Amino acid sequence: STELDRMPTMQLIQFLGVTTSLDALERPQQDVQELVTRILAETSDNKALPVEGIATILSSVYLSGVTLPDSDLRRLLSWLARDYGAEYLNEAETAGFRLFFLAQMAKTDRFASDCLSRMLVDVQRFVRALMQHESATANVPSSKLGRDFKNEVMNTCLAHKAPCQVVSLGPAGTLDLQIGSTGYFLHGPETFFGPSVARTSLRMTPQEQRRCWLLQRLLSDAGTRKRVQDFYPEAKEWPRIKEFRHISWLTWHWADDAERRSLLGLAPTTTTPVRTTAGAAGGGSAAKR
């Protein structure tokens, strides 16, 4: 705590960003809130944080799943609405803010999920404009192994004529695969901490954990969908998903063809038995007789 007290504000923000991205906080709700309180104590209406500082704070809140008090959130979003517009933000900042807004509307606690509707009109206008701004979607890290894995899964679906598709959700990113009413998250090696060859020792990154949680809420919960539509009307076109499954690249790698079909919920391949006559079974002796 003494070391934190000596940190300049921007260094404290960087510390918050690193610890949440590495899932290094033992008490996320308490620790993130304490750090945000320390940071905001050094600010005022005339001494607002720069946009990169606000982006790091809201990204950390998103990754940790923490719910900020309305008062803290109002200060941060008011600075954004007052000093910045969508045209002044880079793609990374825009994508990060959008994910934060979506996660806020997707919270299971109704009071927390309705917080954007309690913000000032200027803030709501800023959120709506940013959600509908033509910009790149959230950037999900990828690797060659991860891309090859996803291609193999898609090829397996196509080979079995399964009604499959990758679902683009605009500012929310992409659902890796949909087959019927089931959604699939396909986890490549980039979505886990460190190298691993053991299927039981994989530790998923906060980025991937939150991506899965958010997409499940957006695609399966009617209340969340309605709140999002108020700021992003295109959400009404998103599919309804009843069930979600997770497949890692290692699970897929070690599975045989039958196990892979099972992972995807595909019907097993059946072979029609060939009927033979008694003569044919006897090597043609009946014909000789």
C-alpha atoms as a PDB file:
ATOM      1  CA  SER A   1       0.000   0.000   0.000  1.00  0.00           C
ATOM      2  CA  THR A   2       2.907   2.353   0.777  1.00  0.00           C
ATOM      3  CA  GLU A   3       4.357   1.792  -2.703  1.00  0.00           C
ATOM      4  CA  LEU A   4       0.975   2.515  -4.270  1.00  0.00           C
ATOM      5  CA  ASP A   5       0.764   5.768  -2.326  1.00  0.00           C
ATOM      6  CA  ARG A   6       3.987   6.927  -3.970  1.00  0.00           C
ATOM      7  CA  MET A   7       2.900   6.073  -7.518  1.00  0.00           C
ATOM      8  CA  PRO A   8       1.968   8.937  -9.892  1.00  0.00           C
ATOM      9  CA  THR A   9      -1.593   8.752 -11.214  1.00  0.00           C
ATOM     10  CA  MET A  10      -0.776   7.416 -14.693  1.00  0.00           C
ATOM     11  CA  GLN A  11       1.583   4.810 -13.246  1.00  0.00           C
ATOM     12  CA  LEU A  12      -1.179   3.693 -10.912  1.00  0.00           C
ATOM     13  CA  ILE A  13      -3.496   3.344 -13.913  1.00  0.00           C
ATOM     14  CA  GLN A  14      -0.878   1.254 -15.714  1.00  0.00           C
ATOM     15  CA  PHE A  15      -0.539  -0.956 -12.629  1.00  0.00           C
ATOM     16  CA  LEU A  16      -4.311  -1.464 -12.625  1.00  0.00           C
ATOM     17  CA  GLY A  17      -4.288  -2.395 -16.308  1.00  0.00           C
ATOM     18  CA  VAL A  18      -1.477  -4.932 -16.000  1.00  0.00           C
ATOM     19  CA  THR A  19      -2.796  -6.674 -12.886  1.00  0.00           C
ATOM     20  CA  THR A  20      -6.304  -7.122 -14.286  1.00  0.00           C
ATOM     21  CA  SER A  21      -5.104  -8.349 -17.697  1.00  0.00           C
ATOM     22  CA  LEU A  22      -2.948 -10.967 -15.940  1.00  0.00           C
ATOM     23  CA  ASP A  23      -5.678 -11.900 -13.443  1.00  0.00           C
ATOM     24  CA  ALA A  24      -3.199 -11.094 -10.667  1.00  0.00           C
ATOM     25  CA  LEU A  25      -5.554  -9.555  -8.096  1.00  0.00           C
ATOM     26  CA  GLU A  26      -6.623 -11.755  -5.193  1.00  0.00           C
ATOM     27  CA  ARG A  27      -9.709  -9.654  -4.397  1.00  0.00           C
ATOM     28  CA  PRO A  28     -10.753  -8.082  -7.720  1.00  0.00           C
ATOM     29  CA  GLN A  29     -13.911  -6.327  -6.505  1.00  0.00           C
ATOM     30  CA  GLN A  30     -12.197  -4.731  -3.535  1.00  0.00           C
ATOM     31  CA  ASP A  31      -8.796  -4.096  -5.130  1.00  0.00           C
ATOM     32  CA  VAL A  32     -10.071  -2.578  -8.376  1.00  0.00           C
ATOM     33  CA  GLN A  33     -12.500  -0.333  -6.531  1.00  0.00           C
ATOM     34  CA  GLU A  34      -9.747   0.825  -4.161  1.00  0.00           C
ATOM     35  CA  LEU A  35      -7.397   1.614  -7.057  1.00  0.00           C
ATOM     36  CA  VAL A  36     -10.073   3.500  -8.995  1.00  0.00           C
ATOM     37  CA  THR A  37     -10.915   5.514  -5.866  1.00  0.00           C
ATOM     38  CA  ARG A  38      -7.224   6.410  -5.413  1.00  0.00           C
ATOM     39  CA  ILE A  39      -6.966   7.479  -9.060  1.00  0.00           C
ATOM     40  CA  LEU A  40     -10.109   9.597  -9.067  1.00  0.00           C
ATOM     41  CA  ALA A  41      -9.036  11.305  -5.830  1.00  0.00           C
ATOM     42  CA  GLU A  42      -6.231  12.920  -7.831  1.00  0.00           C
ATOM     43  CA  THR A  43      -8.624  14.387 -10.403  1.00  0.00           C
ATOM     44  CA  SER A  44     -11.240  17.123 -10.644  1.00  0.00           C
ATOM     45  CA  ASP A  45     -13.576  18.551 -13.286  1.00  0.00           C
ATOM     46  CA  ASN A  46     -10.738  20.818 -14.389  1.00  0.00           C
ATOM     47  CA  LYS A  47      -8.144  18.079 -14.098  1.00  0.00           C
ATOM     48  CA  ALA A  48      -9.703  15.226 -16.045  1.00  0.00           C
ATOM     49  CA  LEU A  49      -7.882  12.043 -17.004  1.00  0.00           C
ATOM     50  CA  PRO A  50      -6.623  11.670 -20.593  1.00  0.00           C
ATOM     51  CA  VAL A  51      -8.590   9.321 -22.818  1.00  0.00           C
ATOM     52  CA  GLU A  52      -5.927   6.589 -22.630  1.00  0.00           C
ATOM     53  CA  GLY A  53      -6.217   6.610 -18.838  1.00  0.00           C
ATOM     54  CA  ILE A  54     -10.011   6.325 -18.950  1.00  0.00           C
ATOM     55  CA  ALA A  55      -9.700   3.525 -21.531  1.00  0.00           C
ATOM     56  CA  THR A  56      -7.358   1.549 -19.260  1.00  0.00           C
ATOM     57  CA  ILE A  57      -9.604   1.984 -16.224  1.00  0.00           C
ATOM     58  CA  LEU A  58     -12.776   0.876 -18.016  1.00  0.00           C
ATOM     59  CA  SER A  59     -10.936  -2.031 -19.652  1.00  0.00           C
ATOM     60  CA  SER A  60      -9.758  -3.146 -16.208  1.00  0.00           C
ATOM     61  CA  VAL A  61     -13.283  -2.880 -14.841  1.00  0.00           C
ATOM     62  CA  TYR A  62     -14.540  -4.957 -17.783  1.00  0.00           C
ATOM     63  CA  LEU A  63     -11.891  -7.678 -17.399  1.00  0.00           C
ATOM     64  CA  SER A  64     -12.348  -7.995 -13.643  1.00  0.00           C
ATOM     65  CA  GLY A  65     -16.153  -7.980 -13.762  1.00  0.00           C
ATOM     66  CA  VAL A  66     -16.247  -5.271 -11.126  1.00  0.00           C
ATOM     67  CA  THR A  67     -19.274  -2.972 -10.753  1.00  0.00           C
ATOM     68  CA  LEU A  68     -18.317   0.646 -10.136  1.00  0.00           C
ATOM     69  CA  PRO A  69     -20.574   2.981  -8.150  1.00  0.00           C
ATOM     70  CA  ASP A  70     -22.683   5.317 -10.279  1.00  0.00           C
ATOM     71  CA  SER A  71     -20.727   8.308  -8.969  1.00  0.00           C
ATOM     72  CA  ASP A  72     -17.382   6.974 -10.250  1.00  0.00           C
ATOM     73  CA  LEU A  73     -18.825   5.866 -13.555  1.00  0.00           C
ATOM     74  CA  ARG A  74     -20.587   9.201 -14.042  1.00  0.00           C
ATOM     75  CA  ARG A  75     -17.286  11.096 -13.673  1.00  0.00           C
ATOM     76  CA  LEU A  76     -15.429   8.903 -16.143  1.00  0.00           C
ATOM     77  CA  LEU A  77     -18.173   8.898 -18.774  1.00  0.00           C
ATOM     78  CA  SER A  78     -18.865  12.614 -18.383  1.00  0.00           C
ATOM     79  CA  TRP A  79     -15.230  13.364 -19.224  1.00  0.00           C
ATOM     80  CA  LEU A  80     -15.501  11.188 -22.324  1.00  0.00           C
ATOM     81  CA  ALA A  81     -18.746  12.772 -23.486  1.00  0.00           C
ATOM     82  CA  ARG A  82     -17.447  16.289 -22.825  1.00  0.00           C
ATOM     83  CA  ASP A  83     -13.949  16.064 -24.266  1.00  0.00           C
ATOM     84  CA  TYR A  84     -14.018  13.286 -26.872  1.00  0.00           C
ATOM     85  CA  GLY A  85     -16.158  12.036 -29.729  1.00  0.00           C
ATOM     86  CA  ALA A  86     -16.089   8.800 -31.654  1.00  0.00           C
ATOM     87  CA  GLU A  87     -14.029  10.446 -34.394  1.00  0.00           C
ATOM     88  CA  TYR A  88     -11.258  11.285 -31.886  1.00  0.00           C
ATOM     89  CA  LEU A  89     -10.825   7.741 -30.584  1.00  0.00           C
ATOM     90  CA  ASN A  90      -8.573   5.108 -32.126  1.00  0.00           C
ATOM     91  CA  GLU A  91      -9.895   1.636 -32.965  1.00  0.00           C
ATOM     92  CA  ALA A  92      -8.555   0.006 -29.807  1.00  0.00           C
ATOM     93  CA  GLU A  93     -10.146   2.634 -27.567  1.00  0.00           C
ATOM     94  CA  THR A  94     -13.456   2.443 -29.421  1.00  0.00           C
ATOM     95  CA  ALA A  95     -13.542  -1.369 -29.212  1.00  0.00           C
ATOM     96  CA  GLY A  96     -12.679  -1.309 -25.502  1.00  0.00           C
ATOM     97  CA  PHE A  97     -15.334   1.260 -24.620  1.00  0.00           C
ATOM     98  CA  ARG A  98     -17.956  -0.691 -26.563  1.00  0.00           C
ATOM     99  CA  LEU A  99     -17.165  -3.912 -24.714  1.00  0.00           C
ATOM    100  CA  PHE A 100     -17.424  -2.074 -21.419  1.00  0.00           C
ATOM    101  CA  PHE A 101     -20.830  -0.602 -22.317  1.00  0.00           C
ATOM    102  CA  LEU A 102     -22.141  -3.989 -23.468  1.00  0.00           C
ATOM    103  CA  ALA A 103     -20.876  -5.712 -20.317  1.00  0.00           C
ATOM    104  CA  GLN A 104     -22.485  -3.024 -18.194  1.00  0.00           C
ATOM    105  CA  MET A 105     -25.850  -3.665 -19.854  1.00  0.00           C
ATOM    106  CA  ALA A 106     -25.378  -7.424 -19.532  1.00  0.00           C
ATOM    107  CA  LYS A 107     -24.861  -7.514 -15.758  1.00  0.00           C
ATOM    108  CA  THR A 108     -27.184  -9.843 -13.889  1.00  0.00           C
ATOM    109  CA  ASP A 109     -27.880  -7.257 -11.202  1.00  0.00           C
ATOM    110  CA  ARG A 110     -30.733  -5.155 -12.583  1.00  0.00           C
ATOM    111  CA  PHE A 111     -29.696  -1.932 -10.842  1.00  0.00           C
ATOM    112  CA  ALA A 112     -26.168  -2.209 -12.248  1.00  0.00           C
ATOM    113  CA  SER A 113     -27.340  -3.165 -15.753  1.00  0.00           C
ATOM    114  CA  ASP A 114     -29.615  -0.111 -15.922  1.00  0.00           C
ATOM    115  CA  CYS A 115     -26.897   2.355 -14.924  1.00  0.00           C
ATOM    116  CA  LEU A 116     -26.365   3.786 -18.429  1.00  0.00           C
ATOM    117  CA  SER A 117     -30.018   4.822 -18.537  1.00  0.00           C
ATOM    118  CA  ARG A 118     -29.392   6.839 -15.351  1.00  0.00           C
ATOM    119  CA  MET A 119     -26.509   8.796 -16.867  1.00  0.00           C
ATOM    120  CA  LEU A 120     -26.855  12.372 -18.152  1.00  0.00           C
ATOM    121  CA  VAL A 121     -28.406  12.832 -21.575  1.00  0.00           C
ATOM    122  CA  ASP A 122     -25.055  13.892 -23.061  1.00  0.00           C
ATOM    123  CA  VAL A 123     -23.472  10.680 -21.793  1.00  0.00           C
ATOM    124  CA  GLN A 124     -26.277   8.522 -23.210  1.00  0.00           C
ATOM    125  CA  ARG A 125     -25.932  10.316 -26.536  1.00  0.00           C
ATOM    126  CA  PHE A 126     -22.171   9.625 -26.523  1.00  0.00           C
ATOM    127  CA  VAL A 127     -22.692   5.916 -25.720  1.00  0.00           C
ATOM    128  CA  ARG A 128     -25.304   5.563 -28.480  1.00  0.00           C
ATOM    129  CA  ALA A 129     -23.086   7.289 -31.042  1.00  0.00           C
ATOM    130  CA  LEU A 130     -20.069   5.156 -30.132  1.00  0.00           C
ATOM    131  CA  MET A 131     -22.051   1.912 -30.257  1.00  0.00           C
ATOM    132  CA  GLN A 132     -23.353   2.740 -33.733  1.00  0.00           C
ATOM    133  CA  HIS A 133     -20.108   4.201 -35.072  1.00  0.00           C
ATOM    134  CA  GLU A 134     -18.639   2.394 -38.069  1.00  0.00           C
ATOM    135  CA  SER A 135     -15.485   0.955 -36.609  1.00  0.00           C
ATOM    136  CA  ALA A 136     -13.595  -2.285 -36.360  1.00  0.00           C
ATOM    137  CA  THR A 137     -15.022  -4.906 -34.000  1.00  0.00           C
ATOM    138  CA  ALA A 138     -13.275  -6.109 -30.883  1.00  0.00           C
ATOM    139  CA  ASN A 139      -9.883  -7.574 -31.747  1.00  0.00           C
ATOM    140  CA  VAL A 140      -9.566 -11.149 -30.499  1.00  0.00           C
ATOM    141  CA  PRO A 141      -5.962 -12.431 -30.377  1.00  0.00           C
ATOM    142  CA  SER A 142      -5.269 -15.246 -32.802  1.00  0.00           C
ATOM    143  CA  SER A 143      -2.453 -17.624 -33.656  1.00  0.00           C
ATOM    144  CA  LYS A 144      -1.768 -19.943 -36.575  1.00  0.00           C
ATOM    145  CA  LEU A 145      -2.627 -22.950 -34.413  1.00  0.00           C
ATOM    146  CA  GLY A 146      -5.867 -21.275 -33.370  1.00  0.00           C
ATOM    147  CA  ARG A 147      -6.835 -20.376 -36.940  1.00  0.00           C
ATOM    148  CA  ASP A 148      -5.997 -23.870 -38.228  1.00  0.00           C
ATOM    149  CA  PHE A 149      -8.078 -25.386 -35.418  1.00  0.00           C
ATOM    150  CA  LYS A 150     -11.112 -23.247 -36.279  1.00  0.00           C
ATOM    151  CA  ASN A 151     -10.747 -24.073 -39.968  1.00  0.00           C
ATOM    152  CA  GLU A 152     -10.667 -27.795 -39.174  1.00  0.00           C
ATOM    153  CA  VAL A 153     -13.824 -27.484 -37.087  1.00  0.00           C
ATOM    154  CA  MET A 154     -15.612 -25.620 -39.871  1.00  0.00           C
ATOM    155  CA  ASN A 155     -14.473 -28.155 -42.479  1.00  0.00           C
ATOM    156  CA  THR A 156     -15.778 -30.980 -40.300  1.00  0.00           C
ATOM    157  CA  CYS A 157     -19.170 -29.267 -40.101  1.00  0.00           C
ATOM    158  CA  LEU A 158     -19.295 -28.725 -43.845  1.00  0.00           C
ATOM    159  CA  ALA A 159     -18.270 -32.316 -44.544  1.00  0.00           C
ATOM    160  CA  HIS A 160     -21.271 -33.492 -42.519  1.00  0.00           C
ATOM    161  CA  LYS A 161     -23.562 -30.894 -44.118  1.00  0.00           C
ATOM    162  CA  ALA A 162     -24.275 -29.322 -40.716  1.00  0.00           C
ATOM    163  CA  PRO A 163     -26.097 -25.928 -40.791  1.00  0.00           C
ATOM    164  CA  CYS A 164     -23.152 -23.982 -39.381  1.00  0.00           C
ATOM    165  CA  GLN A 165     -22.031 -20.362 -39.452  1.00  0.00           C
ATOM    166  CA  VAL A 166     -19.705 -17.870 -37.794  1.00  0.00           C
ATOM    167  CA  VAL A 167     -21.851 -15.154 -36.184  1.00  0.00           C
ATOM    168  CA  SER A 168     -20.723 -11.522 -36.378  1.00  0.00           C
ATOM    169  CA  LEU A 169     -22.145  -9.393 -33.565  1.00  0.00           C
ATOM    170  CA  GLY A 170     -20.780  -5.994 -34.529  1.00  0.00           C
ATOM    171  CA  PRO A 171     -19.289  -4.218 -31.488  1.00  0.00           C
ATOM    172  CA  ALA A 172     -19.562  -7.408 -29.412  1.00  0.00           C
ATOM    173  CA  GLY A 173     -17.192  -9.346 -31.635  1.00  0.00           C
ATOM    174  CA  THR A 174     -17.815 -12.813 -33.079  1.00  0.00           C
ATOM    175  CA  LEU A 175     -19.313 -16.090 -31.929  1.00  0.00           C
ATOM    176  CA  ASP A 176     -16.902 -18.708 -33.258  1.00  0.00           C
ATOM    177  CA  LEU A 177     -19.542 -21.158 -34.453  1.00  0.00           C
ATOM    178  CA  GLN A 178     -23.283 -21.697 -34.442  1.00  0.00           C
ATOM    179  CA  ILE A 179     -24.886 -25.039 -35.291  1.00  0.00           C
ATOM    180  CA  GLY A 180     -28.646 -24.850 -35.027  1.00  0.00           C
ATOM    181  CA  SER A 181     -29.517 -23.310 -31.669  1.00  0.00           C
ATOM    182  CA  THR A 182     -26.129 -24.179 -30.121  1.00  0.00           C
ATOM    183  CA  GLY A 183     -23.218 -21.766 -29.915  1.00  0.00           C
ATOM    184  CA  TYR A 184     -19.599 -22.895 -29.737  1.00  0.00           C
ATOM    185  CA  PHE A 185     -16.545 -21.166 -28.308  1.00  0.00           C
ATOM    186  CA  LEU A 186     -13.405 -22.483 -29.980  1.00  0.00           C
ATOM    187  CA  HIS A 187     -10.421 -21.797 -27.746  1.00  0.00           C
ATOM    188  CA  GLY A 188      -7.024 -21.682 -29.414  1.00  0.00           C
ATOM    189  CA  PRO A 189      -3.710 -21.628 -27.502  1.00  0.00           C
ATOM    190  CA  GLU A 190      -3.736 -17.813 -27.466  1.00  0.00           C
ATOM    191  CA  THR A 191      -6.737 -17.832 -25.105  1.00  0.00           C
ATOM    192  CA  PHE A 192      -4.815 -19.528 -22.291  1.00  0.00           C
ATOM    193  CA  PHE A 193      -1.904 -18.540 -20.070  1.00  0.00           C
ATOM    194  CA  GLY A 194       1.424 -20.065 -20.995  1.00  0.00           C
ATOM    195  CA  PRO A 195       2.336 -23.142 -23.036  1.00  0.00           C
ATOM    196  CA  SER A 196       0.592 -26.332 -22.037  1.00  0.00           C
ATOM    197  CA  VAL A 197       0.093 -29.808 -23.459  1.00  0.00           C
ATOM    198  CA  ALA A 198      -2.153 -31.077 -20.661  1.00  0.00           C
ATOM    199  CA  ARG A 199      -5.871 -30.635 -21.223  1.00  0.00           C
ATOM    200  CA  THR A 200      -6.525 -30.458 -17.481  1.00  0.00           C
ATOM    201  CA  SER A 201      -4.050 -27.656 -16.685  1.00  0.00           C
ATOM    202  CA  LEU A 202      -5.269 -24.956 -19.078  1.00  0.00           C
ATOM    203  CA  ARG A 203      -5.939 -21.576 -17.460  1.00  0.00           C
ATOM    204  CA  MET A 204      -8.058 -19.251 -19.574  1.00  0.00           C
ATOM    205  CA  THR A 205      -7.163 -15.566 -19.858  1.00  0.00           C
ATOM    206  CA  PRO A 206      -9.533 -12.923 -18.437  1.00  0.00           C
ATOM    207  CA  GLN A 207     -10.060 -11.616 -21.976  1.00  0.00           C
ATOM    208  CA  GLU A 208     -11.449 -14.958 -23.135  1.00  0.00           C
ATOM    209  CA  GLN A 209     -13.427 -15.561 -19.958  1.00  0.00           C
ATOM    210  CA  ARG A 210     -15.170 -12.223 -20.310  1.00  0.00           C
ATOM    211  CA  ARG A 211     -15.744 -12.683 -24.046  1.00  0.00           C
ATOM    212  CA  CYS A 212     -17.565 -15.950 -23.387  1.00  0.00           C
ATOM    213  CA  TRP A 213     -19.609 -14.511 -20.530  1.00  0.00           C
ATOM    214  CA  LEU A 214     -20.603 -11.444 -22.534  1.00  0.00           C
ATOM    215  CA  LEU A 215     -21.647 -13.306 -25.690  1.00  0.00           C
ATOM    216  CA  GLN A 216     -23.676 -15.795 -23.659  1.00  0.00           C
ATOM    217  CA  ARG A 217     -25.557 -12.962 -21.979  1.00  0.00           C
ATOM    218  CA  LEU A 218     -26.136 -11.100 -25.249  1.00  0.00           C
ATOM    219  CA  LEU A 219     -27.392 -14.149 -27.141  1.00  0.00           C
ATOM    220  CA  SER A 220     -29.498 -15.887 -24.506  1.00  0.00           C
ATOM    221  CA  ASP A 221     -30.930 -13.281 -22.121  1.00  0.00           C
ATOM    222  CA  ALA A 222     -33.985 -11.332 -23.311  1.00  0.00           C
ATOM    223  CA  GLY A 223     -33.536  -8.491 -20.807  1.00  0.00           C
ATOM    224  CA  THR A 224     -29.952  -7.911 -21.866  1.00  0.00           C
ATOM    225  CA  ARG A 225     -30.950  -7.930 -25.531  1.00  0.00           C
ATOM    226  CA  LYS A 226     -33.618  -5.291 -24.898  1.00  0.00           C
ATOM    227  CA  ARG A 227     -31.237  -2.966 -23.035  1.00  0.00           C
ATOM    228  CA  VAL A 228     -28.626  -3.263 -25.778  1.00  0.00           C
ATOM    229  CA  GLN A 229     -31.192  -2.519 -28.496  1.00  0.00           C
ATOM    230  CA  ASP A 230     -31.837   0.890 -26.920  1.00  0.00           C
ATOM    231  CA  PHE A 231     -28.248   1.843 -27.779  1.00  0.00           C
ATOM    232  CA  TYR A 232     -27.567  -0.520 -30.691  1.00  0.00           C
ATOM    233  CA  PRO A 233     -30.804  -1.330 -32.595  1.00  0.00           C
ATOM    234  CA  GLU A 234     -29.064  -3.898 -34.838  1.00  0.00           C
ATOM    235  CA  ALA A 235     -28.943  -6.241 -31.842  1.00  0.00           C
ATOM    236  CA  LYS A 236     -32.518  -7.290 -32.629  1.00  0.00           C
ATOM    237  CA  GLU A 237     -31.105  -9.264 -35.588  1.00  0.00           C
ATOM    238  CA  TRP A 238     -28.780 -11.352 -33.445  1.00  0.00           C
ATOM    239  CA  PRO A 239     -29.666 -15.063 -33.223  1.00  0.00           C
ATOM    240  CA  ARG A 240     -31.111 -16.663 -30.113  1.00  0.00           C
ATOM    241  CA  ILE A 241     -28.811 -19.310 -28.669  1.00  0.00           C
ATOM    242  CA  LYS A 242     -30.159 -21.917 -26.249  1.00  0.00           C
ATOM    243  CA  GLU A 243     -26.971 -23.788 -25.394  1.00  0.00           C
ATOM    244  CA  PHE A 244     -23.253 -23.010 -25.383  1.00  0.00           C
ATOM    245  CA  ARG A 245     -20.324 -25.413 -25.598  1.00  0.00           C
ATOM    246  CA  HIS A 246     -16.576 -24.936 -25.258  1.00  0.00           C
ATOM    247  CA  ILE A 247     -13.914 -26.789 -27.249  1.00  0.00           C
ATOM    248  CA  SER A 248     -10.187 -26.202 -26.808  1.00  0.00           C
ATOM    249  CA  TRP A 249      -7.670 -26.871 -29.554  1.00  0.00           C
ATOM    250  CA  LEU A 250      -6.029 -29.566 -27.404  1.00  0.00           C
ATOM    251  CA  THR A 251      -9.297 -31.427 -26.865  1.00  0.00           C
ATOM    252  CA  TRP A 252      -9.876 -31.314 -30.616  1.00  0.00           C
ATOM    253  CA  HIS A 253      -6.295 -32.397 -31.374  1.00  0.00           C
ATOM    254  CA  TRP A 254      -6.525 -35.548 -29.251  1.00  0.00           C
ATOM    255  CA  ALA A 255     -10.042 -36.513 -30.389  1.00  0.00           C
ATOM    256  CA  ASP A 256     -10.664 -39.098 -33.106  1.00  0.00           C
ATOM    257  CA  ASP A 257     -13.264 -38.571 -35.847  1.00  0.00           C
ATOM    258  CA  ALA A 258     -16.143 -39.992 -33.804  1.00  0.00           C
ATOM    259  CA  GLU A 259     -15.222 -37.892 -30.750  1.00  0.00           C
ATOM    260  CA  ARG A 260     -15.005 -34.766 -32.885  1.00  0.00           C
ATOM    261  CA  ARG A 261     -18.504 -35.362 -34.243  1.00  0.00           C
ATOM    262  CA  SER A 262     -19.709 -35.826 -30.681  1.00  0.00           C
ATOM    263  CA  LEU A 263     -18.075 -32.568 -29.579  1.00  0.00           C
ATOM    264  CA  LEU A 264     -20.038 -30.775 -32.300  1.00  0.00           C
ATOM    265  CA  GLY A 265     -23.295 -32.604 -31.589  1.00  0.00           C
ATOM    266  CA  LEU A 266     -23.288 -34.199 -35.037  1.00  0.00           C
ATOM    267  CA  ALA A 267     -25.003 -37.511 -35.684  1.00  0.00           C
ATOM    268  CA  PRO A 268     -22.549 -40.408 -35.925  1.00  0.00           C
ATOM    269  CA  THR A 269     -21.800 -41.732 -39.380  1.00  0.00           C
ATOM    270  CA  THR A 270     -23.622 -44.986 -40.008  1.00  0.00           C
ATOM    271  CA  THR A 271     -22.713 -47.660 -42.534  1.00  0.00           C
ATOM    272  CA  THR A 272     -25.487 -49.688 -44.188  1.00  0.00           C
ATOM    273  CA  PRO A 273     -24.633 -53.412 -43.908  1.00  0.00           C
ATOM    274  CA  VAL A 274     -24.192 -55.239 -47.235  1.00  0.00           C
ATOM    275  CA  ARG A 275     -26.424 -58.271 -47.586  1.00  0.00           C
ATOM    276  CA  THR A 276     -24.833 -61.357 -49.069  1.00  0.00           C
ATOM    277  CA  THR A 277     -26.390 -64.567 -50.357  1.00  0.00           C
ATOM    278  CA  ALA A 278     -25.383 -67.906 -48.980  1.00  0.00           C
ATOM    279  CA  GLY A 279     -23.594 -68.654 -52.226  1.00  0.00           C
ATOM    280  CA  ALA A 280     -21.649 -65.426 -52.183  1.00  0.00           C
ATOM    281  CA  ALA A 281     -20.666 -65.985 -48.593  1.00  0.00           C
ATOM    282  CA  GLY A 282     -19.398 -69.410 -49.562  1.00  0.00           C
ATOM    283  CA  GLY A 283     -16.996 -68.092 -52.149  1.00  0.00           C
ATOM    284  CA  GLY A 284     -19.293 -68.812 -55.114  1.00  0.00           C
ATOM    285  CA  SER A 285     -19.575 -72.569 -54.455  1.00  0.00           C
ATOM    286  CA  ALA A 286     -23.361 -72.483 -54.982  1.00  0.00           C
ATOM    287  CA  ALA A 287     -22.862 -71.292 -58.541  1.00  0.00           C
ATOM    288  CA  LYS A 288     -20.460 -74.116 -59.177  1.00  0.00           C
ATOM    289  CA  ARG A 289     -23.023 -76.610 -57.967  1.00  0.00           C
END
